Amino acid sequence: MLRPTLRAPLIALLIAAGTTACGPDDGAMPETLDRETFVAVMVELRKAALAESDATLRPSEREQILGGHGVTEEDLLTFAEVHGQDPTYMAEVWRDIETRLNVPIDSAGGSEVP
């Protein structure tokens, strides 16, 4: 099971991916961030949010982090839209994020990973 701190961003990205996946298909795949950049940005955003007492990231801090990586919120959403149609791939991406955050993974309902 995903930790509450990761559940909300994952849900938001999957919803964004799902709403655009139903649109017209012009055959052109939009260019996206590479996986490493997406993971690095998401890890930094989550770490910054977790450092706050209410686990909420201020918009100015979010923009600073995104700018530091040379990406926009739209870039993150595009990545989710393009890759969100492959649940296995996205699960691996989120596993990478969780691993870098040192968050135990309990996806099978068993014991947590140390």
PDB file of N, CA and C in Angstrom:
ATOM      1  N   MET A   1       0.840  -1.179   0.000  1.00  0.00           N
ATOM      2  CA  MET A   1       0.000   0.000   0.000  1.00  0.00           C
ATOM      3  C   MET A   1       0.882   1.238   0.000  1.00  0.00           C
ATOM      4  N   LEU A   2       0.523   2.245  -0.810  1.00  0.00           N
ATOM      5  CA  LEU A   2       1.295   3.467  -0.866  1.00  0.00           C
ATOM      6  C   LEU A   2       1.079   4.280   0.400  1.00  0.00           C
ATOM      7  N   ARG A   3       2.112   4.921   0.849  1.00  0.00           N
ATOM      8  CA  ARG A   3       2.015   5.819   1.986  1.00  0.00           C
ATOM      9  C   ARG A   3       1.133   6.995   1.598  1.00  0.00           C
ATOM     10  N   PRO A   4       0.411   7.602   2.561  1.00  0.00           N
ATOM     11  CA  PRO A   4      -0.450   8.750   2.251  1.00  0.00           C
ATOM     12  C   PRO A   4       0.298   9.887   1.573  1.00  0.00           C
ATOM     13  N   THR A   5       1.588  10.064   1.878  1.00  0.00           N
ATOM     14  CA  THR A   5       2.340  11.165   1.274  1.00  0.00           C
ATOM     15  C   THR A   5       2.597  10.954  -0.206  1.00  0.00           C
ATOM     16  N   LEU A   6       2.511   9.731  -0.689  1.00  0.00           N
ATOM     17  CA  LEU A   6       2.707   9.460  -2.108  1.00  0.00           C
ATOM     18  C   LEU A   6       1.396   9.194  -2.825  1.00  0.00           C
ATOM     19  N   ARG A   7       0.367   8.849  -2.090  1.00  0.00           N
ATOM     20  CA  ARG A   7      -0.906   8.483  -2.693  1.00  0.00           C
ATOM     21  C   ARG A   7      -1.520   9.654  -3.462  1.00  0.00           C
ATOM     22  N   ALA A   8      -1.549  10.839  -2.892  1.00  0.00           N
ATOM     23  CA  ALA A   8      -2.198  11.984  -3.535  1.00  0.00           C
ATOM     24  C   ALA A   8      -1.537  12.363  -4.861  1.00  0.00           C
ATOM     25  N   PRO A   9      -0.186  12.491  -4.911  1.00  0.00           N
ATOM     26  CA  PRO A   9       0.415  12.831  -6.211  1.00  0.00           C
ATOM     27  C   PRO A   9       0.197  11.752  -7.260  1.00  0.00           C
ATOM     28  N   LEU A  10       0.236  10.501  -6.841  1.00  0.00           N
ATOM     29  CA  LEU A  10       0.021   9.405  -7.784  1.00  0.00           C
ATOM     30  C   LEU A  10      -1.394   9.458  -8.338  1.00  0.00           C
ATOM     31  N   ILE A  11      -2.372   9.661  -7.482  1.00  0.00           N
ATOM     32  CA  ILE A  11      -3.764   9.732  -7.923  1.00  0.00           C
ATOM     33  C   ILE A  11      -3.954  10.892  -8.886  1.00  0.00           C
ATOM     34  N   ALA A  12      -3.376  12.054  -8.548  1.00  0.00           N
ATOM     35  CA  ALA A  12      -3.518  13.223  -9.420  1.00  0.00           C
ATOM     36  C   ALA A  12      -2.916  12.971 -10.798  1.00  0.00           C
ATOM     37  N   LEU A  13      -1.745  12.352 -10.828  1.00  0.00           N
ATOM     38  CA  LEU A  13      -1.106  12.087 -12.113  1.00  0.00           C
ATOM     39  C   LEU A  13      -1.876  11.044 -12.914  1.00  0.00           C
ATOM     40  N   LEU A  14      -2.394  10.031 -12.251  1.00  0.00           N
ATOM     41  CA  LEU A  14      -3.148   9.003 -12.968  1.00  0.00           C
ATOM     42  C   LEU A  14      -4.470   9.548 -13.496  1.00  0.00           C
ATOM     43  N   ILE A  15      -5.110  10.430 -12.738  1.00  0.00           N
ATOM     44  CA  ILE A  15      -6.348  11.051 -13.216  1.00  0.00           C
ATOM     45  C   ILE A  15      -6.053  11.896 -14.443  1.00  0.00           C
ATOM     46  N   ALA A  16      -4.961  12.660 -14.368  1.00  0.00           N
ATOM     47  CA  ALA A  16      -4.586  13.485 -15.522  1.00  0.00           C
ATOM     48  C   ALA A  16      -4.312  12.613 -16.738  1.00  0.00           C
ATOM     49  N   ALA A  17      -3.642  11.507 -16.516  1.00  0.00           N
ATOM     50  CA  ALA A  17      -3.337  10.602 -17.626  1.00  0.00           C
ATOM     51  C   ALA A  17      -4.614   9.981 -18.178  1.00  0.00           C
ATOM     52  N   GLY A  18      -5.519   9.622 -17.313  1.00  0.00           N
ATOM     53  CA  GLY A  18      -6.762   8.986 -17.744  1.00  0.00           C
ATOM     54  C   GLY A  18      -7.666   9.918 -18.516  1.00  0.00           C
ATOM     55  N   THR A  19      -7.712  11.183 -18.136  1.00  0.00           N
ATOM     56  CA  THR A  19      -8.601  12.103 -18.828  1.00  0.00           C
ATOM     57  C   THR A  19      -8.103  12.433 -20.219  1.00  0.00           C
ATOM     58  N   THR A  20      -6.814  12.427 -20.418  1.00  0.00           N
ATOM     59  CA  THR A  20      -6.315  12.724 -21.756  1.00  0.00           C
ATOM     60  C   THR A  20      -6.217  11.475 -22.611  1.00  0.00           C
ATOM     61  N   ALA A  21      -6.156  10.325 -21.987  1.00  0.00           N
ATOM     62  CA  ALA A  21      -6.042   9.079 -22.751  1.00  0.00           C
ATOM     63  C   ALA A  21      -7.293   8.809 -23.575  1.00  0.00           C
ATOM     64  N   CYS A  22      -8.403   9.424 -23.208  1.00  0.00           N
ATOM     65  CA  CYS A  22      -9.661   9.191 -23.899  1.00  0.00           C
ATOM     66  C   CYS A  22      -9.886  10.161 -25.052  1.00  0.00           C
ATOM     67  N   GLY A  23      -8.967  11.081 -25.270  1.00  0.00           N
ATOM     68  CA  GLY A  23      -9.125  12.081 -26.310  1.00  0.00           C
ATOM     69  C   GLY A  23      -8.818  11.509 -27.679  1.00  0.00           C
ATOM     70  N   PRO A  24      -8.936  12.360 -28.703  1.00  0.00           N
ATOM     71  CA  PRO A  24      -8.650  11.896 -30.054  1.00  0.00           C
ATOM     72  C   PRO A  24      -7.190  11.494 -30.188  1.00  0.00           C
ATOM     73  N   ASP A  25      -6.951  10.476 -30.970  1.00  0.00           N
ATOM     74  CA  ASP A  25      -5.596   9.967 -31.159  1.00  0.00           C
ATOM     75  C   ASP A  25      -5.101  10.401 -32.523  1.00  0.00           C
ATOM     76  N   ASP A  26      -4.177  11.357 -32.536  1.00  0.00           N
ATOM     77  CA  ASP A  26      -3.641  11.810 -33.807  1.00  0.00           C
ATOM     78  C   ASP A  26      -2.390  11.036 -34.197  1.00  0.00           C
ATOM     79  N   GLY A  27      -2.044  10.012 -33.410  1.00  0.00           N
ATOM     80  CA  GLY A  27      -0.910   9.161 -33.727  1.00  0.00           C
ATOM     81  C   GLY A  27       0.432   9.714 -33.286  1.00  0.00           C
ATOM     82  N   ALA A  28       0.504  10.988 -32.942  1.00  0.00           N
ATOM     83  CA  ALA A  28       1.771  11.591 -32.532  1.00  0.00           C
ATOM     84  C   ALA A  28       1.928  11.471 -31.025  1.00  0.00           C
ATOM     85  N   MET A  29       3.058  10.939 -30.613  1.00  0.00           N
ATOM     86  CA  MET A  29       3.371  10.805 -29.198  1.00  0.00           C
ATOM     87  C   MET A  29       4.111  12.065 -28.761  1.00  0.00           C
ATOM     88  N   PRO A  30       3.573  12.801 -27.776  1.00  0.00           N
ATOM     89  CA  PRO A  30       4.276  14.005 -27.339  1.00  0.00           C
ATOM     90  C   PRO A  30       5.613  13.646 -26.699  1.00  0.00           C
ATOM     91  N   GLU A  31       6.567  14.526 -26.842  1.00  0.00           N
ATOM     92  CA  GLU A  31       7.868  14.321 -26.232  1.00  0.00           C
ATOM     93  C   GLU A  31       7.724  14.542 -24.728  1.00  0.00           C
ATOM     94  N   THR A  32       8.381  13.694 -23.954  1.00  0.00           N
ATOM     95  CA  THR A  32       8.266  13.796 -22.502  1.00  0.00           C
ATOM     96  C   THR A  32       9.640  13.868 -21.855  1.00  0.00           C
ATOM     97  N   LEU A  33       9.594  14.149 -20.563  1.00  0.00           N
ATOM     98  CA  LEU A  33      10.804  14.065 -19.754  1.00  0.00           C
ATOM     99  C   LEU A  33      11.319  12.642 -19.793  1.00  0.00           C
ATOM    100  N   ASP A  34      12.597  12.486 -19.551  1.00  0.00           N
ATOM    101  CA  ASP A  34      13.090  11.133 -19.400  1.00  0.00           C
ATOM    102  C   ASP A  34      12.726  10.662 -17.983  1.00  0.00           C
ATOM    103  N   ARG A  35      12.724   9.366 -17.812  1.00  0.00           N
ATOM    104  CA  ARG A  35      12.304   8.756 -16.546  1.00  0.00           C
ATOM    105  C   ARG A  35      13.137   9.267 -15.368  1.00  0.00           C
ATOM    106  N   GLU A  36      14.434   9.354 -15.546  1.00  0.00           N
ATOM    107  CA  GLU A  36      15.321   9.787 -14.463  1.00  0.00           C
ATOM    108  C   GLU A  36      14.973  11.193 -13.989  1.00  0.00           C
ATOM    109  N   THR A  37      14.709  12.095 -14.923  1.00  0.00           N
ATOM    110  CA  THR A  37      14.355  13.467 -14.550  1.00  0.00           C
ATOM    111  C   THR A  37      13.031  13.488 -13.801  1.00  0.00           C
ATOM    112  N   PHE A  38      12.035  12.756 -14.307  1.00  0.00           N
ATOM    113  CA  PHE A  38      10.736  12.697 -13.637  1.00  0.00           C
ATOM    114  C   PHE A  38      10.907  12.198 -12.207  1.00  0.00           C
ATOM    115  N   VAL A  39      11.642  11.115 -12.039  1.00  0.00           N
ATOM    116  CA  VAL A  39      11.840  10.535 -10.705  1.00  0.00           C
ATOM    117  C   VAL A  39      12.565  11.531  -9.802  1.00  0.00           C
ATOM    118  N   ALA A  40      13.634  12.146 -10.296  1.00  0.00           N
ATOM    119  CA  ALA A  40      14.404  13.094  -9.485  1.00  0.00           C
ATOM    120  C   ALA A  40      13.552  14.273  -9.032  1.00  0.00           C
ATOM    121  N   VAL A  41      12.734  14.805  -9.933  1.00  0.00           N
ATOM    122  CA  VAL A  41      11.873  15.941  -9.587  1.00  0.00           C
ATOM    123  C   VAL A  41      10.832  15.522  -8.548  1.00  0.00           C
ATOM    124  N   MET A  42      10.183  14.389  -8.771  1.00  0.00           N
ATOM    125  CA  MET A  42       9.157  13.946  -7.827  1.00  0.00           C
ATOM    126  C   MET A  42       9.749  13.668  -6.443  1.00  0.00           C
ATOM    127  N   VAL A  43      10.938  13.095  -6.400  1.00  0.00           N
ATOM    128  CA  VAL A  43      11.594  12.837  -5.118  1.00  0.00           C
ATOM    129  C   VAL A  43      11.881  14.151  -4.402  1.00  0.00           C
ATOM    130  N   GLU A  44      12.428  15.110  -5.117  1.00  0.00           N
ATOM    131  CA  GLU A  44      12.741  16.396  -4.488  1.00  0.00           C
ATOM    132  C   GLU A  44      11.476  17.109  -4.017  1.00  0.00           C
ATOM    133  N   LEU A  45      10.413  17.064  -4.824  1.00  0.00           N
ATOM    134  CA  LEU A  45       9.146  17.684  -4.410  1.00  0.00           C
ATOM    135  C   LEU A  45       8.600  17.031  -3.146  1.00  0.00           C
ATOM    136  N   ARG A  46       8.635  15.701  -3.086  1.00  0.00           N
ATOM    137  CA  ARG A  46       8.101  14.989  -1.911  1.00  0.00           C
ATOM    138  C   ARG A  46       8.946  15.241  -0.674  1.00  0.00           C
ATOM    139  N   LYS A  47      10.275  15.250  -0.834  1.00  0.00           N
ATOM    140  CA  LYS A  47      11.151  15.519   0.312  1.00  0.00           C
ATOM    141  C   LYS A  47      10.895  16.916   0.864  1.00  0.00           C
ATOM    142  N   ALA A  48      10.736  17.875  -0.029  1.00  0.00           N
ATOM    143  CA  ALA A  48      10.474  19.245   0.410  1.00  0.00           C
ATOM    144  C   ALA A  48       9.134  19.331   1.132  1.00  0.00           C
ATOM    145  N   ALA A  49       8.126  18.649   0.608  1.00  0.00           N
ATOM    146  CA  ALA A  49       6.810  18.663   1.256  1.00  0.00           C
ATOM    147  C   ALA A  49       6.873  17.980   2.618  1.00  0.00           C
ATOM    148  N   LEU A  50       7.576  16.874   2.686  1.00  0.00           N
ATOM    149  CA  LEU A  50       7.664  16.140   3.951  1.00  0.00           C
ATOM    150  C   LEU A  50       8.429  16.908   5.018  1.00  0.00           C
ATOM    151  N   ALA A  51       9.266  17.850   4.600  1.00  0.00           N
ATOM    152  CA  ALA A  51      10.017  18.668   5.553  1.00  0.00           C
ATOM    153  C   ALA A  51       9.124  19.713   6.218  1.00  0.00           C
ATOM    154  N   GLU A  52       7.958  19.961   5.641  1.00  0.00           N
ATOM    155  CA  GLU A  52       7.008  20.932   6.202  1.00  0.00           C
ATOM    156  C   GLU A  52       6.154  20.261   7.272  1.00  0.00           C
ATOM    157  N   SER A  53       5.767  21.007   8.264  1.00  0.00           N
ATOM    158  CA  SER A  53       4.990  20.434   9.374  1.00  0.00           C
ATOM    159  C   SER A  53       3.653  19.865   8.917  1.00  0.00           C
ATOM    160  N   ASP A  54       3.065  20.454   7.876  1.00  0.00           N
ATOM    161  CA  ASP A  54       1.780  19.955   7.381  1.00  0.00           C
ATOM    162  C   ASP A  54       1.921  19.162   6.085  1.00  0.00           C
ATOM    163  N   ALA A  55       3.146  18.856   5.693  1.00  0.00           N
ATOM    164  CA  ALA A  55       3.455  18.084   4.481  1.00  0.00           C
ATOM    165  C   ALA A  55       2.894  18.740   3.220  1.00  0.00           C
ATOM    166  N   THR A  56       2.773  20.060   3.254  1.00  0.00           N
ATOM    167  CA  THR A  56       2.275  20.811   2.108  1.00  0.00           C
ATOM    168  C   THR A  56       3.371  21.722   1.592  1.00  0.00           C
ATOM    169  N   LEU A  57       3.603  21.673   0.309  1.00  0.00           N
ATOM    170  CA  LEU A  57       4.648  22.464  -0.323  1.00  0.00           C
ATOM    171  C   LEU A  57       4.074  23.802  -0.775  1.00  0.00           C
ATOM    172  N   ARG A  58       4.763  24.879  -0.426  1.00  0.00           N
ATOM    173  CA  ARG A  58       4.332  26.204  -0.872  1.00  0.00           C
ATOM    174  C   ARG A  58       4.536  26.318  -2.387  1.00  0.00           C
ATOM    175  N   PRO A  59       3.627  26.997  -3.086  1.00  0.00           N
ATOM    176  CA  PRO A  59       3.766  27.135  -4.543  1.00  0.00           C
ATOM    177  C   PRO A  59       5.116  27.722  -4.961  1.00  0.00           C
ATOM    178  N   SER A  60       5.624  28.690  -4.210  1.00  0.00           N
ATOM    179  CA  SER A  60       6.915  29.291  -4.575  1.00  0.00           C
ATOM    180  C   SER A  60       8.049  28.275  -4.464  1.00  0.00           C
ATOM    181  N   GLU A  61       7.989  27.413  -3.461  1.00  0.00           N
ATOM    182  CA  GLU A  61       9.022  26.390  -3.306  1.00  0.00           C
ATOM    183  C   GLU A  61       8.901  25.347  -4.424  1.00  0.00           C
ATOM    184  N   ARG A  62       7.663  25.014  -4.768  1.00  0.00           N
ATOM    185  CA  ARG A  62       7.429  24.069  -5.864  1.00  0.00           C
ATOM    186  C   ARG A  62       8.022  24.606  -7.169  1.00  0.00           C
ATOM    187  N   GLU A  63       7.760  25.875  -7.459  1.00  0.00           N
ATOM    188  CA  GLU A  63       8.269  26.494  -8.680  1.00  0.00           C
ATOM    189  C   GLU A  63       9.795  26.547  -8.665  1.00  0.00           C
ATOM    190  N   GLN A  64      10.379  26.772  -7.498  1.00  0.00           N
ATOM    191  CA  GLN A  64      11.831  26.816  -7.382  1.00  0.00           C
ATOM    192  C   GLN A  64      12.433  25.439  -7.698  1.00  0.00           C
ATOM    193  N   ILE A  65      11.823  24.399  -7.175  1.00  0.00           N
ATOM    194  CA  ILE A  65      12.306  23.041  -7.430  1.00  0.00           C
ATOM    195  C   ILE A  65      12.155  22.690  -8.904  1.00  0.00           C
ATOM    196  N   LEU A  66      10.990  22.964  -9.465  1.00  0.00           N
ATOM    197  CA  LEU A  66      10.781  22.678 -10.883  1.00  0.00           C
ATOM    198  C   LEU A  66      11.773  23.442 -11.746  1.00  0.00           C
ATOM    199  N   GLY A  67      11.957  24.728 -11.444  1.00  0.00           N
ATOM    200  CA  GLY A  67      12.889  25.546 -12.200  1.00  0.00           C
ATOM    201  C   GLY A  67      14.321  25.055 -12.080  1.00  0.00           C
ATOM    202  N   GLY A  68      14.673  24.558 -10.908  1.00  0.00           N
ATOM    203  CA  GLY A  68      16.014  24.026 -10.700  1.00  0.00           C
ATOM    204  C   GLY A  68      16.313  22.823 -11.581  1.00  0.00           C
ATOM    205  N   HIS A  69      15.259  22.112 -11.950  1.00  0.00           N
ATOM    206  CA  HIS A  69      15.423  20.956 -12.836  1.00  0.00           C
ATOM    207  C   HIS A  69      15.131  21.314 -14.293  1.00  0.00           C
ATOM    208  N   GLY A  70      14.707  22.565 -14.506  1.00  0.00           N
ATOM    209  CA  GLY A  70      14.401  22.990 -15.871  1.00  0.00           C
ATOM    210  C   GLY A  70      13.134  22.358 -16.424  1.00  0.00           C
ATOM    211  N   VAL A  71      12.168  22.062 -15.536  1.00  0.00           N
ATOM    212  CA  VAL A  71      10.914  21.461 -15.968  1.00  0.00           C
ATOM    213  C   VAL A  71       9.736  22.287 -15.468  1.00  0.00           C
ATOM    214  N   THR A  72       8.582  22.010 -16.030  1.00  0.00           N
ATOM    215  CA  THR A  72       7.349  22.670 -15.608  1.00  0.00           C
ATOM    216  C   THR A  72       6.365  21.621 -15.088  1.00  0.00           C
ATOM    217  N   GLU A  73       5.320  22.103 -14.468  1.00  0.00           N
ATOM    218  CA  GLU A  73       4.269  21.191 -14.033  1.00  0.00           C
ATOM    219  C   GLU A  73       3.674  20.475 -15.242  1.00  0.00           C
ATOM    220  N   GLU A  74       3.567  21.184 -16.339  1.00  0.00           N
ATOM    221  CA  GLU A  74       3.056  20.593 -17.580  1.00  0.00           C
ATOM    222  C   GLU A  74       3.937  19.437 -18.046  1.00  0.00           C
ATOM    223  N   ASP A  75       5.248  19.575 -17.866  1.00  0.00           N
ATOM    224  CA  ASP A  75       6.162  18.486 -18.226  1.00  0.00           C
ATOM    225  C   ASP A  75       5.856  17.228 -17.411  1.00  0.00           C
ATOM    226  N   LEU A  76       5.585  17.400 -16.125  1.00  0.00           N
ATOM    227  CA  LEU A  76       5.250  16.262 -15.263  1.00  0.00           C
ATOM    228  C   LEU A  76       3.937  15.617 -15.708  1.00  0.00           C
ATOM    229  N   LEU A  77       2.960  16.463 -16.019  1.00  0.00           N
ATOM    230  CA  LEU A  77       1.662  15.938 -16.453  1.00  0.00           C
ATOM    231  C   LEU A  77       1.774  15.218 -17.798  1.00  0.00           C
ATOM    232  N   THR A  78       2.571  15.761 -18.694  1.00  0.00           N
ATOM    233  CA  THR A  78       2.755  15.113 -19.993  1.00  0.00           C
ATOM    234  C   THR A  78       3.388  13.740 -19.818  1.00  0.00           C
ATOM    235  N   PHE A  79       4.387  13.645 -18.942  1.00  0.00           N
ATOM    236  CA  PHE A  79       5.009  12.352 -18.655  1.00  0.00           C
ATOM    237  C   PHE A  79       3.942  11.366 -18.180  1.00  0.00           C
ATOM    238  N   ALA A  80       3.088  11.813 -17.248  1.00  0.00           N
ATOM    239  CA  ALA A  80       2.037  10.938 -16.721  1.00  0.00           C
ATOM    240  C   ALA A  80       1.021  10.572 -17.794  1.00  0.00           C
ATOM    241  N   GLU A  81       0.689  11.508 -18.659  1.00  0.00           N
ATOM    242  CA  GLU A  81      -0.264  11.240 -19.725  1.00  0.00           C
ATOM    243  C   GLU A  81       0.269  10.199 -20.701  1.00  0.00           C
ATOM    244  N   VAL A  82       1.514  10.362 -21.089  1.00  0.00           N
ATOM    245  CA  VAL A  82       2.110   9.461 -22.075  1.00  0.00           C
ATOM    246  C   VAL A  82       2.335   8.076 -21.485  1.00  0.00           C
ATOM    247  N   HIS A  83       2.913   8.026 -20.289  1.00  0.00           N
ATOM    248  CA  HIS A  83       3.275   6.736 -19.694  1.00  0.00           C
ATOM    249  C   HIS A  83       2.177   6.141 -18.827  1.00  0.00           C
ATOM    250  N   GLY A  84       1.149   6.929 -18.522  1.00  0.00           N
ATOM    251  CA  GLY A  84       0.060   6.447 -17.675  1.00  0.00           C
ATOM    252  C   GLY A  84      -0.747   5.328 -18.304  1.00  0.00           C
ATOM    253  N   GLN A  85      -0.609   5.148 -19.603  1.00  0.00           N
ATOM    254  CA  GLN A  85      -1.316   4.069 -20.286  1.00  0.00           C
ATOM    255  C   GLN A  85      -0.618   2.727 -20.088  1.00  0.00           C
ATOM    256  N   ASP A  86       0.539   2.761 -19.438  1.00  0.00           N
ATOM    257  CA  ASP A  86       1.294   1.543 -19.145  1.00  0.00           C
ATOM    258  C   ASP A  86       1.441   1.415 -17.632  1.00  0.00           C
ATOM    259  N   PRO A  87       0.456   0.797 -16.974  1.00  0.00           N
ATOM    260  CA  PRO A  87       0.469   0.725 -15.514  1.00  0.00           C
ATOM    261  C   PRO A  87       1.712   0.040 -14.946  1.00  0.00           C
ATOM    262  N   THR A  88       2.237  -0.936 -15.655  1.00  0.00           N
ATOM    263  CA  THR A  88       3.440  -1.621 -15.173  1.00  0.00           C
ATOM    264  C   THR A  88       4.620  -0.655 -15.131  1.00  0.00           C
ATOM    265  N   TYR A  89       4.783   0.118 -16.188  1.00  0.00           N
ATOM    266  CA  TYR A  89       5.865   1.095 -16.242  1.00  0.00           C
ATOM    267  C   TYR A  89       5.714   2.130 -15.131  1.00  0.00           C
ATOM    268  N   MET A  90       4.493   2.662 -14.958  1.00  0.00           N
ATOM    269  CA  MET A  90       4.274   3.677 -13.926  1.00  0.00           C
ATOM    270  C   MET A  90       4.475   3.105 -12.529  1.00  0.00           C
ATOM    271  N   ALA A  91       4.114   1.853 -12.319  1.00  0.00           N
ATOM    272  CA  ALA A  91       4.358   1.232 -11.015  1.00  0.00           C
ATOM    273  C   ALA A  91       5.852   1.166 -10.739  1.00  0.00           C
ATOM    274  N   GLU A  92       6.641   0.862 -11.777  1.00  0.00           N
ATOM    275  CA  GLU A  92       8.095   0.828 -11.612  1.00  0.00           C
ATOM    276  C   GLU A  92       8.647   2.219 -11.316  1.00  0.00           C
ATOM    277  N   VAL A  93       8.096   3.223 -11.979  1.00  0.00           N
ATOM    278  CA  VAL A  93       8.529   4.602 -11.736  1.00  0.00           C
ATOM    279  C   VAL A  93       8.251   4.979 -10.281  1.00  0.00           C
ATOM    280  N   TRP A  94       7.051   4.684  -9.796  1.00  0.00           N
ATOM    281  CA  TRP A  94       6.709   5.030  -8.413  1.00  0.00           C
ATOM    282  C   TRP A  94       7.513   4.203  -7.420  1.00  0.00           C
ATOM    283  N   ARG A  95       7.868   2.992  -7.793  1.00  0.00           N
ATOM    284  CA  ARG A  95       8.736   2.184  -6.932  1.00  0.00           C
ATOM    285  C   ARG A  95      10.114   2.848  -6.824  1.00  0.00           C
ATOM    286  N   ASP A  96      10.620   3.377  -7.942  1.00  0.00           N
ATOM    287  CA  ASP A  96      11.892   4.116  -7.913  1.00  0.00           C
ATOM    288  C   ASP A  96      11.790   5.317  -6.969  1.00  0.00           C
ATOM    289  N   ILE A  97      10.694   6.042  -7.074  1.00  0.00           N
ATOM    290  CA  ILE A  97      10.498   7.215  -6.223  1.00  0.00           C
ATOM    291  C   ILE A  97      10.453   6.797  -4.756  1.00  0.00           C
ATOM    292  N   GLU A  98       9.665   5.787  -4.445  1.00  0.00           N
ATOM    293  CA  GLU A  98       9.562   5.311  -3.068  1.00  0.00           C
ATOM    294  C   GLU A  98      10.908   4.842  -2.534  1.00  0.00           C
ATOM    295  N   THR A  99      11.673   4.152  -3.362  1.00  0.00           N
ATOM    296  CA  THR A  99      12.988   3.660  -2.944  1.00  0.00           C
ATOM    297  C   THR A  99      13.906   4.824  -2.598  1.00  0.00           C
ATOM    298  N   ARG A 100      13.907   5.842  -3.426  1.00  0.00           N
ATOM    299  CA  ARG A 100      14.767   7.004  -3.174  1.00  0.00           C
ATOM    300  C   ARG A 100      14.316   7.791  -1.948  1.00  0.00           C
ATOM    301  N   LEU A 101      13.031   7.723  -1.656  1.00  0.00           N
ATOM    302  CA  LEU A 101      12.528   8.392  -0.451  1.00  0.00           C
ATOM    303  C   LEU A 101      12.732   7.530   0.790  1.00  0.00           C
ATOM    304  N   ASN A 102      13.193   6.303   0.579  1.00  0.00           N
ATOM    305  CA  ASN A 102      13.367   5.334   1.662  1.00  0.00           C
ATOM    306  C   ASN A 102      12.047   5.034   2.360  1.00  0.00           C
ATOM    307  N   VAL A 103      10.992   4.945   1.553  1.00  0.00           N
ATOM    308  CA  VAL A 103       9.672   4.609   2.064  1.00  0.00           C
ATOM    309  C   VAL A 103       9.470   3.115   1.880  1.00  0.00           C
ATOM    310  N   PRO A 104       9.172   2.376   2.961  1.00  0.00           N
ATOM    311  CA  PRO A 104       8.922   0.942   2.793  1.00  0.00           C
ATOM    312  C   PRO A 104       7.744   0.698   1.864  1.00  0.00           C
ATOM    313  N   ILE A 105       7.846  -0.318   1.051  1.00  0.00           N
ATOM    314  CA  ILE A 105       6.802  -0.655   0.096  1.00  0.00           C
ATOM    315  C   ILE A 105       6.044  -1.868   0.605  1.00  0.00           C
ATOM    316  N   ASP A 106       4.724  -1.776   0.602  1.00  0.00           N
ATOM    317  CA  ASP A 106       3.879  -2.873   1.043  1.00  0.00           C
ATOM    318  C   ASP A 106       2.799  -3.090  -0.010  1.00  0.00           C
ATOM    319  N   SER A 107       3.230  -3.322  -1.249  1.00  0.00           N
ATOM    320  CA  SER A 107       2.271  -3.422  -2.342  1.00  0.00           C
ATOM    321  C   SER A 107       1.531  -4.755  -2.385  1.00  0.00           C
ATOM    322  N   ALA A 108       2.078  -5.768  -1.723  1.00  0.00           N
ATOM    323  CA  ALA A 108       1.428  -7.077  -1.757  1.00  0.00           C
ATOM    324  C   ALA A 108       0.632  -7.353  -0.500  1.00  0.00           C
ATOM    325  N   GLY A 109       0.580  -6.394   0.395  1.00  0.00           N
ATOM    326  CA  GLY A 109      -0.180  -6.584   1.626  1.00  0.00           C
ATOM    327  C   GLY A 109       0.572  -7.403   2.660  1.00  0.00           C
ATOM    328  N   GLY A 110       1.818  -7.727   2.403  1.00  0.00           N
ATOM    329  CA  GLY A 110       2.620  -8.493   3.334  1.00  0.00           C
ATOM    330  C   GLY A 110       3.428  -7.577   4.216  1.00  0.00           C
ATOM    331  N   SER A 111       4.566  -8.055   4.629  1.00  0.00           N
ATOM    332  CA  SER A 111       5.407  -7.242   5.515  1.00  0.00           C
ATOM    333  C   SER A 111       6.120  -6.172   4.723  1.00  0.00           C
ATOM    334  N   GLU A 112       6.519  -5.120   5.436  1.00  0.00           N
ATOM    335  CA  GLU A 112       7.217  -4.020   4.815  1.00  0.00           C
ATOM    336  C   GLU A 112       8.655  -4.395   4.533  1.00  0.00           C
ATOM    337  N   VAL A 113       9.180  -3.771   3.492  1.00  0.00           N
ATOM    338  CA  VAL A 113      10.562  -3.989   3.119  1.00  0.00           C
ATOM    339  C   VAL A 113      11.428  -3.141   4.031  1.00  0.00           C
ATOM    340  N   PRO A 114      12.506  -3.654   4.586  1.00  0.00           N
ATOM    341  CA  PRO A 114      13.347  -2.863   5.487  1.00  0.00           C
ATOM    342  C   PRO A 114      14.057  -1.739   4.781  1.00  0.00           C
TER     343      PRO A 114
END
